[in-house]
Amino acid sequence: MGDKRVINLGAYNFTWHEYMIGAIGHVTLFTVGYLVSFAFRGELRSEATLWHWLKKRRERRLKMVDGKESSIA
């Protein structure tokens, strides 16, 4: 990848390859997210998803069409 450091810390520079740093970061992100999901088990599980939001939006739109409201949000 080259030596494109913004700040050169000399002996304290991180020596791993840039792709390895990204891979470790992603594994850490998924692991922490997975473990945190156990802390909030069941509290917001179904309401805090994209699918629930899309379902509610679709229901709102159908209600507005059936109720003859002029704007669809």
N, C-alpha and C. Protein backbone atom coordinates (compact mmCIF):
# COMPACT_ATOMS: atom_id res chain seq x y z
N MET A 1 0.81 -1.20 0.00
CA MET A 1 0.00 0.00 0.00
C MET A 1 0.85 1.26 0.00
N GLY A 2 2.07 1.13 0.41
CA GLY A 2 2.92 2.30 0.40
C GLY A 2 3.04 2.94 1.76
N ASP A 3 3.88 3.91 1.83
CA ASP A 3 4.11 4.61 3.09
C ASP A 3 3.39 5.96 3.04
N LYS A 4 2.05 5.93 3.18
CA LYS A 4 1.24 7.13 3.08
C LYS A 4 0.74 7.56 4.46
N ARG A 5 1.63 7.67 5.41
CA ARG A 5 1.21 8.03 6.76
C ARG A 5 1.00 9.53 6.86
N VAL A 6 -0.06 9.91 7.55
CA VAL A 6 -0.32 11.32 7.80
C VAL A 6 0.62 11.81 8.89
N ILE A 7 0.77 10.98 9.93
CA ILE A 7 1.66 11.30 11.03
C ILE A 7 2.63 10.14 11.19
N ASN A 8 3.90 10.40 11.14
CA ASN A 8 4.91 9.36 11.30
C ASN A 8 5.32 9.31 12.76
N LEU A 9 5.00 8.20 13.44
CA LEU A 9 5.32 8.05 14.85
C LEU A 9 6.60 7.25 15.07
N GLY A 10 7.33 7.00 14.02
CA GLY A 10 8.60 6.28 14.14
C GLY A 10 8.40 4.85 14.61
N ALA A 11 8.97 4.52 15.76
CA ALA A 11 8.90 3.15 16.29
C ALA A 11 7.48 2.79 16.74
N TYR A 12 6.61 3.77 16.92
CA TYR A 12 5.25 3.51 17.38
C TYR A 12 4.24 3.35 16.23
N ASN A 13 4.70 3.38 15.00
CA ASN A 13 3.80 3.15 13.87
C ASN A 13 3.25 1.74 13.91
N PHE A 14 2.00 1.60 13.50
CA PHE A 14 1.36 0.28 13.46
C PHE A 14 1.90 -0.46 12.25
N THR A 15 2.43 -1.64 12.46
CA THR A 15 3.17 -2.33 11.39
C THR A 15 2.34 -3.31 10.58
N TRP A 16 1.09 -3.53 10.92
CA TRP A 16 0.27 -4.47 10.15
C TRP A 16 -0.12 -3.85 8.81
N HIS A 17 -0.46 -4.71 7.87
CA HIS A 17 -0.91 -4.26 6.56
C HIS A 17 -2.28 -3.58 6.71
N GLU A 18 -2.55 -2.62 5.84
CA GLU A 18 -3.80 -1.86 5.95
C GLU A 18 -5.03 -2.74 5.81
N TYR A 19 -4.98 -3.76 4.97
CA TYR A 19 -6.12 -4.67 4.82
C TYR A 19 -6.34 -5.48 6.10
N MET A 20 -5.26 -5.87 6.76
CA MET A 20 -5.39 -6.63 8.01
C MET A 20 -6.03 -5.76 9.08
N ILE A 21 -5.65 -4.50 9.13
CA ILE A 21 -6.25 -3.58 10.10
C ILE A 21 -7.76 -3.49 9.85
N GLY A 22 -8.17 -3.37 8.58
CA GLY A 22 -9.60 -3.32 8.24
C GLY A 22 -10.32 -4.59 8.60
N ALA A 23 -9.69 -5.74 8.33
CA ALA A 23 -10.32 -7.03 8.65
C ALA A 23 -10.51 -7.18 10.16
N ILE A 24 -9.50 -6.84 10.92
CA ILE A 24 -9.60 -6.93 12.39
C ILE A 24 -10.68 -5.97 12.89
N GLY A 25 -10.76 -4.78 12.31
CA GLY A 25 -11.79 -3.82 12.72
C GLY A 25 -13.19 -4.34 12.46
N HIS A 26 -13.40 -4.99 11.30
CA HIS A 26 -14.72 -5.52 10.98
C HIS A 26 -15.09 -6.69 11.88
N VAL A 27 -14.15 -7.57 12.15
CA VAL A 27 -14.42 -8.69 13.05
C VAL A 27 -14.77 -8.16 14.44
N THR A 28 -14.04 -7.15 14.89
CA THR A 28 -14.33 -6.54 16.20
C THR A 28 -15.71 -5.91 16.21
N LEU A 29 -16.07 -5.20 15.16
CA LEU A 29 -17.38 -4.56 15.06
C LEU A 29 -18.51 -5.59 15.14
N PHE A 30 -18.42 -6.65 14.35
CA PHE A 30 -19.47 -7.68 14.35
C PHE A 30 -19.54 -8.41 15.69
N THR A 31 -18.38 -8.68 16.30
CA THR A 31 -18.37 -9.38 17.58
C THR A 31 -19.00 -8.54 18.67
N VAL A 32 -18.64 -7.27 18.75
CA VAL A 32 -19.22 -6.39 19.76
C VAL A 32 -20.72 -6.23 19.52
N GLY A 33 -21.13 -6.06 18.28
CA GLY A 33 -22.56 -5.95 17.98
C GLY A 33 -23.34 -7.18 18.37
N TYR A 34 -22.75 -8.34 18.11
CA TYR A 34 -23.40 -9.61 18.47
C TYR A 34 -23.55 -9.73 19.98
N LEU A 35 -22.49 -9.40 20.71
CA LEU A 35 -22.54 -9.50 22.17
C LEU A 35 -23.50 -8.48 22.78
N VAL A 36 -23.54 -7.27 22.23
CA VAL A 36 -24.45 -6.25 22.75
C VAL A 36 -25.90 -6.63 22.48
N SER A 37 -26.14 -7.38 21.40
CA SER A 37 -27.52 -7.79 21.10
C SER A 37 -28.09 -8.66 22.21
N PHE A 38 -27.24 -9.35 22.96
CA PHE A 38 -27.73 -10.14 24.09
C PHE A 38 -28.15 -9.25 25.25
N ALA A 39 -27.53 -8.09 25.39
CA ALA A 39 -27.87 -7.18 26.48
C ALA A 39 -29.26 -6.58 26.27
N PHE A 40 -29.69 -6.41 25.02
CA PHE A 40 -30.98 -5.80 24.72
C PHE A 40 -31.97 -6.83 24.18
N ARG A 41 -31.80 -8.07 24.55
CA ARG A 41 -32.63 -9.15 24.04
C ARG A 41 -34.11 -8.89 24.34
N GLY A 42 -34.90 -8.80 23.29
CA GLY A 42 -36.35 -8.72 23.43
C GLY A 42 -36.92 -7.33 23.68
N GLU A 43 -36.12 -6.37 24.11
CA GLU A 43 -36.68 -5.07 24.44
C GLU A 43 -37.14 -4.32 23.19
N LEU A 44 -36.27 -4.13 22.25
CA LEU A 44 -36.60 -3.38 21.04
C LEU A 44 -36.46 -4.25 19.80
N ARG A 45 -36.40 -5.50 19.99
CA ARG A 45 -36.00 -6.40 18.92
C ARG A 45 -36.85 -6.27 17.65
N SER A 46 -38.15 -6.31 17.75
CA SER A 46 -38.97 -6.29 16.54
C SER A 46 -39.25 -4.87 16.04
N GLU A 47 -39.26 -3.90 16.93
CA GLU A 47 -39.60 -2.55 16.52
C GLU A 47 -38.40 -1.78 15.97
N ALA A 48 -37.21 -2.25 16.19
CA ALA A 48 -36.02 -1.51 15.79
C ALA A 48 -35.36 -2.12 14.56
N THR A 49 -36.16 -2.59 13.63
CA THR A 49 -35.61 -3.19 12.41
C THR A 49 -36.10 -2.43 11.18
N LEU A 50 -35.37 -2.58 10.12
CA LEU A 50 -35.77 -1.98 8.85
C LEU A 50 -37.11 -2.57 8.40
N TRP A 51 -37.29 -3.87 8.61
CA TRP A 51 -38.51 -4.54 8.14
C TRP A 51 -39.74 -4.00 8.87
N HIS A 52 -39.61 -3.75 10.16
CA HIS A 52 -40.74 -3.20 10.92
C HIS A 52 -41.06 -1.79 10.43
N TRP A 53 -40.04 -0.98 10.18
CA TRP A 53 -40.25 0.38 9.70
C TRP A 53 -40.93 0.37 8.33
N LEU A 54 -40.47 -0.52 7.43
CA LEU A 54 -41.10 -0.60 6.11
C LEU A 54 -42.56 -1.05 6.20
N LYS A 55 -42.83 -2.00 7.10
CA LYS A 55 -44.20 -2.48 7.29
C LYS A 55 -45.10 -1.35 7.80
N LYS A 56 -44.62 -0.59 8.78
CA LYS A 56 -45.41 0.52 9.33
C LYS A 56 -45.63 1.60 8.27
N ARG A 57 -44.60 1.88 7.48
CA ARG A 57 -44.74 2.89 6.42
C ARG A 57 -45.76 2.44 5.38
N ARG A 58 -45.71 1.16 5.02
CA ARG A 58 -46.67 0.63 4.05
C ARG A 58 -48.09 0.70 4.61
N GLU A 59 -48.26 0.37 5.90
CA GLU A 59 -49.59 0.44 6.52
C GLU A 59 -50.10 1.87 6.56
N ARG A 60 -49.19 2.83 6.85
CA ARG A 60 -49.59 4.24 6.86
C ARG A 60 -50.05 4.69 5.48
N ARG A 61 -49.29 4.26 4.46
CA ARG A 61 -49.66 4.65 3.09
C ARG A 61 -51.00 4.06 2.69
N LEU A 62 -51.23 2.79 3.02
CA LEU A 62 -52.51 2.16 2.69
C LEU A 62 -53.66 2.83 3.43
N LYS A 63 -53.41 3.21 4.68
CA LYS A 63 -54.44 3.89 5.47
C LYS A 63 -54.77 5.24 4.84
N MET A 64 -53.77 5.94 4.35
CA MET A 64 -54.01 7.24 3.73
C MET A 64 -54.75 7.10 2.42
N VAL A 65 -54.45 6.07 1.66
CA VAL A 65 -55.14 5.86 0.38
C VAL A 65 -56.59 5.46 0.65
N ASP A 66 -56.79 4.57 1.61
CA ASP A 66 -58.16 4.15 1.95
C ASP A 66 -58.97 5.29 2.57
N GLY A 67 -58.29 6.14 3.34
CA GLY A 67 -58.97 7.25 4.00
C GLY A 67 -59.11 8.47 3.12
N LYS A 68 -58.65 8.39 1.87
CA LYS A 68 -58.74 9.47 0.89
C LYS A 68 -58.01 10.73 1.32
N GLU A 69 -56.90 10.55 2.08
CA GLU A 69 -56.09 11.72 2.45
C GLU A 69 -55.26 12.11 1.24
N SER A 70 -54.97 13.40 1.13
CA SER A 70 -54.35 13.90 -0.11
C SER A 70 -52.85 13.63 -0.18
N SER A 71 -52.14 13.65 0.93
CA SER A 71 -50.70 13.48 0.86
C SER A 71 -50.30 12.07 1.31
N ILE A 72 -49.31 11.53 0.62
CA ILE A 72 -48.79 10.22 0.98
C ILE A 72 -47.36 10.42 1.45
N ALA A 73 -47.09 10.11 2.73
CA ALA A 73 -45.76 10.32 3.30
C ALA A 73 -45.04 9.01 3.47
